[in-house]
Amino acid sequence: RPAWRRACCRRTQANAMTTHTPGPWHTAADAQNITTDAGALIARVALKQTVCGAPTANARLIAAAPELLAVLQALEWKAGNHVAALEAVGRTANGLKAACEAARQIIATATQEA
């Protein structure tokens, strides 16, 4: 596991931030089922073409969700620390601050902390 993932997993477990089935998740060979390493079914994607995209691409995006959340949490934490450090010396980081807030909102939605 990459260092960012180990740190984020420890933080997530310590704070009980998520209630989803832990990742990683995978798409099955048929690209219809999303499963855990142990083979537990997470979701099933309709195989017919939809207006919003190809079913296989949708399945890959769903399967990546736990890792995307972990990366977003790690980035938000690091960027938040950077914003605080800049503000402590009288500098501003408005763009980064706005990105951190957007990340916090997405994390809250994904972890039902809103």
N, C-alpha and C. Protein backbone atom coordinates (compact mmCIF):
# COMPACT_ATOMS: atom_id res chain seq x y z
N ARG A 1 0.82 -1.20 0.00
CA ARG A 1 0.00 0.00 0.00
C ARG A 1 0.86 1.25 0.00
N PRO A 2 0.45 2.26 -0.76
CA PRO A 2 1.20 3.51 -0.73
C PRO A 2 1.07 4.17 0.65
N ALA A 3 2.04 5.00 0.99
CA ALA A 3 2.05 5.65 2.30
C ALA A 3 0.80 6.47 2.54
N TRP A 4 0.32 7.21 1.51
CA TRP A 4 -0.88 8.04 1.70
C TRP A 4 -2.07 7.18 2.08
N ARG A 5 -2.14 5.98 1.48
CA ARG A 5 -3.28 5.12 1.76
C ARG A 5 -3.21 4.54 3.16
N ARG A 6 -2.00 4.13 3.59
CA ARG A 6 -1.85 3.59 4.95
C ARG A 6 -2.24 4.65 5.97
N ALA A 7 -1.75 5.87 5.80
CA ALA A 7 -2.04 6.95 6.75
C ALA A 7 -3.52 7.27 6.75
N CYS A 8 -4.12 7.33 5.58
CA CYS A 8 -5.53 7.68 5.50
C CYS A 8 -6.39 6.57 6.09
N CYS A 9 -6.03 5.33 5.82
CA CYS A 9 -6.79 4.21 6.39
C CYS A 9 -6.74 4.24 7.91
N ARG A 10 -5.54 4.51 8.46
CA ARG A 10 -5.44 4.59 9.92
C ARG A 10 -6.31 5.71 10.45
N ARG A 11 -6.27 6.88 9.79
CA ARG A 11 -7.06 8.01 10.25
C ARG A 11 -8.55 7.70 10.12
N THR A 12 -8.95 7.06 9.02
CA THR A 12 -10.34 6.72 8.81
C THR A 12 -10.82 5.73 9.87
N GLN A 13 -10.01 4.72 10.13
CA GLN A 13 -10.41 3.73 11.12
C GLN A 13 -10.45 4.34 12.51
N ALA A 14 -9.49 5.19 12.83
CA ALA A 14 -9.43 5.80 14.15
C ALA A 14 -10.62 6.72 14.39
N ASN A 15 -11.04 7.43 13.36
CA ASN A 15 -12.13 8.40 13.52
C ASN A 15 -13.48 7.83 13.10
N ALA A 16 -13.52 6.59 12.65
CA ALA A 16 -14.75 5.96 12.17
C ALA A 16 -15.48 6.88 11.20
N MET A 17 -14.71 7.42 10.23
CA MET A 17 -15.27 8.39 9.30
C MET A 17 -16.17 7.77 8.24
N THR A 18 -15.97 6.53 7.91
CA THR A 18 -16.75 5.95 6.83
C THR A 18 -17.57 4.77 7.33
N THR A 19 -18.66 4.54 6.64
CA THR A 19 -19.47 3.37 6.95
C THR A 19 -19.60 2.47 5.73
N HIS A 20 -18.88 2.80 4.65
CA HIS A 20 -18.96 1.97 3.45
C HIS A 20 -18.09 0.72 3.64
N THR A 21 -18.32 -0.24 2.78
CA THR A 21 -17.50 -1.44 2.78
C THR A 21 -16.08 -1.05 2.39
N PRO A 22 -15.10 -1.44 3.19
CA PRO A 22 -13.72 -1.06 2.88
C PRO A 22 -13.29 -1.56 1.51
N GLY A 23 -12.46 -0.76 0.86
CA GLY A 23 -11.91 -1.13 -0.44
C GLY A 23 -10.71 -2.03 -0.25
N PRO A 24 -10.05 -2.40 -1.28
CA PRO A 24 -10.37 -2.00 -2.64
C PRO A 24 -11.56 -2.77 -3.21
N TRP A 25 -12.22 -2.13 -4.15
CA TRP A 25 -13.30 -2.75 -4.90
C TRP A 25 -12.80 -3.02 -6.31
N HIS A 26 -13.39 -4.00 -6.97
CA HIS A 26 -12.95 -4.39 -8.31
C HIS A 26 -14.15 -4.62 -9.21
N THR A 27 -13.95 -4.42 -10.50
CA THR A 27 -14.98 -4.83 -11.46
C THR A 27 -14.71 -6.28 -11.83
N ALA A 28 -15.76 -7.03 -11.93
CA ALA A 28 -15.62 -8.43 -12.32
C ALA A 28 -15.32 -8.50 -13.81
N ALA A 29 -14.97 -9.67 -14.27
CA ALA A 29 -14.63 -9.87 -15.68
C ALA A 29 -15.77 -9.45 -16.60
N ASP A 30 -17.01 -9.58 -16.13
CA ASP A 30 -18.16 -9.22 -16.97
C ASP A 30 -18.45 -7.72 -16.93
N ALA A 31 -17.70 -6.97 -16.12
CA ALA A 31 -17.85 -5.51 -15.97
C ALA A 31 -19.23 -5.13 -15.44
N GLN A 32 -19.98 -6.09 -14.94
CA GLN A 32 -21.30 -5.80 -14.41
C GLN A 32 -21.27 -5.74 -12.88
N ASN A 33 -20.49 -6.60 -12.25
CA ASN A 33 -20.46 -6.69 -10.80
C ASN A 33 -19.23 -5.98 -10.23
N ILE A 34 -19.44 -5.24 -9.15
CA ILE A 34 -18.35 -4.62 -8.41
C ILE A 34 -18.25 -5.40 -7.11
N THR A 35 -17.05 -5.93 -6.82
CA THR A 35 -16.87 -6.80 -5.67
C THR A 35 -15.68 -6.36 -4.82
N THR A 36 -15.61 -6.89 -3.60
CA THR A 36 -14.46 -6.67 -2.72
C THR A 36 -13.40 -7.72 -3.05
N ASP A 37 -12.24 -7.60 -2.40
CA ASP A 37 -11.19 -8.61 -2.56
C ASP A 37 -11.71 -9.99 -2.20
N ALA A 38 -12.61 -10.04 -1.20
CA ALA A 38 -13.15 -11.32 -0.74
C ALA A 38 -14.28 -11.83 -1.61
N GLY A 39 -14.67 -11.04 -2.62
CA GLY A 39 -15.72 -11.48 -3.53
C GLY A 39 -17.12 -11.03 -3.15
N ALA A 40 -17.26 -10.24 -2.08
CA ALA A 40 -18.58 -9.75 -1.68
C ALA A 40 -19.09 -8.75 -2.72
N LEU A 41 -20.35 -8.86 -3.08
CA LEU A 41 -20.95 -7.98 -4.08
C LEU A 41 -21.21 -6.61 -3.48
N ILE A 42 -20.69 -5.57 -4.12
CA ILE A 42 -20.92 -4.18 -3.70
C ILE A 42 -22.06 -3.58 -4.50
N ALA A 43 -22.02 -3.76 -5.81
CA ALA A 43 -23.03 -3.19 -6.70
C ALA A 43 -23.06 -3.97 -8.01
N ARG A 44 -24.16 -3.79 -8.70
CA ARG A 44 -24.31 -4.38 -10.03
C ARG A 44 -24.69 -3.25 -10.97
N VAL A 45 -23.97 -3.12 -12.07
CA VAL A 45 -24.19 -2.06 -13.04
C VAL A 45 -24.97 -2.62 -14.22
N ALA A 46 -26.00 -1.87 -14.65
CA ALA A 46 -26.77 -2.29 -15.82
C ALA A 46 -25.85 -2.30 -17.03
N LEU A 47 -25.95 -3.33 -17.83
CA LEU A 47 -25.05 -3.47 -18.98
C LEU A 47 -25.54 -2.74 -20.22
N LYS A 48 -26.80 -2.29 -20.24
CA LYS A 48 -27.27 -1.58 -21.43
C LYS A 48 -26.65 -0.18 -21.48
N GLN A 49 -26.48 0.32 -22.68
CA GLN A 49 -25.94 1.67 -22.88
C GLN A 49 -26.89 2.68 -22.26
N THR A 50 -26.34 3.65 -21.55
CA THR A 50 -27.16 4.67 -20.92
C THR A 50 -26.82 6.04 -21.50
N VAL A 51 -27.67 7.01 -21.24
CA VAL A 51 -27.40 8.35 -21.72
C VAL A 51 -26.19 8.97 -21.04
N CYS A 52 -25.89 8.53 -19.83
CA CYS A 52 -24.81 9.17 -19.08
C CYS A 52 -23.46 8.48 -19.24
N GLY A 53 -23.36 7.47 -20.05
CA GLY A 53 -22.05 6.86 -20.25
C GLY A 53 -22.10 5.37 -20.45
N ALA A 54 -20.94 4.86 -20.77
CA ALA A 54 -20.82 3.42 -21.01
C ALA A 54 -20.87 2.67 -19.68
N PRO A 55 -21.55 1.56 -19.64
CA PRO A 55 -21.66 0.79 -18.40
C PRO A 55 -20.32 0.37 -17.81
N THR A 56 -19.37 -0.02 -18.66
CA THR A 56 -18.06 -0.45 -18.16
C THR A 56 -17.34 0.71 -17.48
N ALA A 57 -17.41 1.90 -18.06
CA ALA A 57 -16.79 3.08 -17.44
C ALA A 57 -17.46 3.41 -16.12
N ASN A 58 -18.79 3.27 -16.06
CA ASN A 58 -19.50 3.51 -14.80
C ASN A 58 -19.05 2.52 -13.73
N ALA A 59 -18.90 1.27 -14.11
CA ALA A 59 -18.47 0.25 -13.16
C ALA A 59 -17.06 0.54 -12.64
N ARG A 60 -16.16 0.96 -13.53
CA ARG A 60 -14.79 1.30 -13.10
C ARG A 60 -14.80 2.47 -12.13
N LEU A 61 -15.63 3.48 -12.39
CA LEU A 61 -15.70 4.63 -11.51
C LEU A 61 -16.24 4.24 -10.13
N ILE A 62 -17.27 3.43 -10.09
CA ILE A 62 -17.82 2.96 -8.82
C ILE A 62 -16.77 2.15 -8.06
N ALA A 63 -16.07 1.27 -8.77
CA ALA A 63 -15.05 0.43 -8.13
C ALA A 63 -13.91 1.27 -7.55
N ALA A 64 -13.63 2.41 -8.14
CA ALA A 64 -12.55 3.28 -7.66
C ALA A 64 -12.96 4.16 -6.49
N ALA A 65 -14.23 4.18 -6.14
CA ALA A 65 -14.75 5.10 -5.11
C ALA A 65 -13.99 5.06 -3.78
N PRO A 66 -13.71 3.90 -3.19
CA PRO A 66 -13.00 3.92 -1.90
C PRO A 66 -11.62 4.56 -2.00
N GLU A 67 -10.89 4.28 -3.08
CA GLU A 67 -9.56 4.87 -3.24
C GLU A 67 -9.65 6.36 -3.54
N LEU A 68 -10.65 6.76 -4.33
CA LEU A 68 -10.84 8.19 -4.60
C LEU A 68 -11.14 8.94 -3.31
N LEU A 69 -11.98 8.37 -2.45
CA LEU A 69 -12.30 9.00 -1.17
C LEU A 69 -11.05 9.09 -0.29
N ALA A 70 -10.27 8.04 -0.24
CA ALA A 70 -9.06 8.04 0.59
C ALA A 70 -8.07 9.10 0.11
N VAL A 71 -7.90 9.21 -1.20
CA VAL A 71 -6.99 10.21 -1.74
C VAL A 71 -7.51 11.62 -1.46
N LEU A 72 -8.81 11.83 -1.64
CA LEU A 72 -9.39 13.15 -1.38
C LEU A 72 -9.22 13.53 0.09
N GLN A 73 -9.42 12.57 1.00
CA GLN A 73 -9.24 12.85 2.43
C GLN A 73 -7.79 13.23 2.73
N ALA A 74 -6.85 12.50 2.13
CA ALA A 74 -5.44 12.80 2.37
C ALA A 74 -5.07 14.16 1.79
N LEU A 75 -5.53 14.46 0.59
CA LEU A 75 -5.24 15.76 -0.02
C LEU A 75 -5.86 16.91 0.76
N GLU A 76 -7.08 16.72 1.22
CA GLU A 76 -7.75 17.77 1.99
C GLU A 76 -6.99 18.04 3.28
N TRP A 77 -6.53 17.00 3.93
CA TRP A 77 -5.80 17.15 5.19
C TRP A 77 -4.49 17.89 4.95
N LYS A 78 -3.74 17.46 3.92
CA LYS A 78 -2.46 18.11 3.62
C LYS A 78 -2.67 19.56 3.19
N ALA A 79 -3.63 19.80 2.30
CA ALA A 79 -3.89 21.15 1.82
C ALA A 79 -4.40 22.04 2.94
N GLY A 80 -5.24 21.50 3.82
CA GLY A 80 -5.72 22.27 4.97
C GLY A 80 -4.57 22.71 5.87
N ASN A 81 -3.61 21.83 6.08
CA ASN A 81 -2.43 22.19 6.88
C ASN A 81 -1.62 23.28 6.19
N HIS A 82 -1.52 23.18 4.86
CA HIS A 82 -0.78 24.19 4.09
C HIS A 82 -1.46 25.55 4.19
N VAL A 83 -2.78 25.58 4.07
CA VAL A 83 -3.54 26.83 4.19
C VAL A 83 -3.32 27.43 5.57
N ALA A 84 -3.40 26.62 6.61
CA ALA A 84 -3.20 27.11 7.98
C ALA A 84 -1.80 27.69 8.15
N ALA A 85 -0.80 27.04 7.58
CA ALA A 85 0.57 27.53 7.69
C ALA A 85 0.73 28.86 6.97
N LEU A 86 0.13 28.98 5.80
CA LEU A 86 0.21 30.25 5.06
C LEU A 86 -0.48 31.38 5.83
N GLU A 87 -1.66 31.08 6.35
CA GLU A 87 -2.39 32.11 7.09
C GLU A 87 -1.67 32.51 8.37
N ALA A 88 -0.93 31.59 8.96
CA ALA A 88 -0.19 31.88 10.19
C ALA A 88 0.91 32.91 9.96
N VAL A 89 1.39 33.03 8.73
CA VAL A 89 2.43 34.02 8.42
C VAL A 89 1.87 35.18 7.60
N GLY A 90 0.54 35.33 7.63
CA GLY A 90 -0.09 36.48 6.99
C GLY A 90 -0.29 36.38 5.49
N ARG A 91 -0.17 35.19 4.93
CA ARG A 91 -0.39 35.02 3.49
C ARG A 91 -1.76 34.39 3.26
N THR A 92 -2.27 34.55 2.07
CA THR A 92 -3.57 33.97 1.75
C THR A 92 -3.42 32.87 0.71
N ALA A 93 -4.36 31.98 0.73
CA ALA A 93 -4.40 30.88 -0.24
C ALA A 93 -5.86 30.62 -0.58
N ASN A 94 -6.52 31.66 -1.11
CA ASN A 94 -7.96 31.59 -1.34
C ASN A 94 -8.39 30.43 -2.24
N GLY A 95 -7.66 30.22 -3.33
CA GLY A 95 -8.01 29.12 -4.23
C GLY A 95 -7.89 27.77 -3.55
N LEU A 96 -6.80 27.59 -2.82
CA LEU A 96 -6.59 26.34 -2.11
C LEU A 96 -7.60 26.18 -0.98
N LYS A 97 -7.91 27.28 -0.32
CA LYS A 97 -8.90 27.25 0.77
C LYS A 97 -10.27 26.84 0.24
N ALA A 98 -10.64 27.39 -0.92
CA ALA A 98 -11.93 27.03 -1.54
C ALA A 98 -11.94 25.56 -1.96
N ALA A 99 -10.82 25.08 -2.48
CA ALA A 99 -10.73 23.67 -2.87
C ALA A 99 -10.86 22.76 -1.65
N CYS A 100 -10.25 23.17 -0.54
CA CYS A 100 -10.35 22.39 0.71
C CYS A 100 -11.80 22.32 1.17
N GLU A 101 -12.50 23.44 1.10
CA GLU A 101 -13.90 23.46 1.53
C GLU A 101 -14.75 22.57 0.63
N ALA A 102 -14.52 22.62 -0.67
CA ALA A 102 -15.25 21.75 -1.59
C ALA A 102 -14.95 20.28 -1.28
N ALA A 103 -13.69 19.97 -1.00
CA ALA A 103 -13.31 18.60 -0.65
C ALA A 103 -14.00 18.17 0.64
N ARG A 104 -14.04 19.05 1.63
CA ARG A 104 -14.72 18.72 2.90
C ARG A 104 -16.19 18.42 2.68
N GLN A 105 -16.84 19.19 1.81
CA GLN A 105 -18.26 18.96 1.53
C GLN A 105 -18.48 17.62 0.84
N ILE A 106 -17.61 17.29 -0.11
CA ILE A 106 -17.74 16.00 -0.81
C ILE A 106 -17.48 14.85 0.16
N ILE A 107 -16.46 14.99 1.01
CA ILE A 107 -16.16 13.95 2.01
C ILE A 107 -17.32 13.79 2.97
N ALA A 108 -17.91 14.90 3.41
CA ALA A 108 -19.06 14.84 4.32
C ALA A 108 -20.23 14.12 3.67
N THR A 109 -20.47 14.40 2.40
CA THR A 109 -21.56 13.72 1.68
C THR A 109 -21.27 12.23 1.57
N ALA A 110 -20.04 11.89 1.21
CA ALA A 110 -19.69 10.47 1.02
C ALA A 110 -19.69 9.69 2.33
N THR A 111 -19.39 10.36 3.44
CA THR A 111 -19.30 9.68 4.74
C THR A 111 -20.50 9.99 5.63
N GLN A 112 -21.47 10.69 5.10
CA GLN A 112 -22.70 11.07 5.81
C GLN A 112 -22.40 11.87 7.06
N GLU A 113 -21.42 12.77 6.96
CA GLU A 113 -21.08 13.64 8.09
C GLU A 113 -21.71 15.02 7.94
N ALA A 114 -22.50 15.20 6.89
CA ALA A 114 -23.08 16.53 6.62
C ALA A 114 -24.08 16.92 7.68
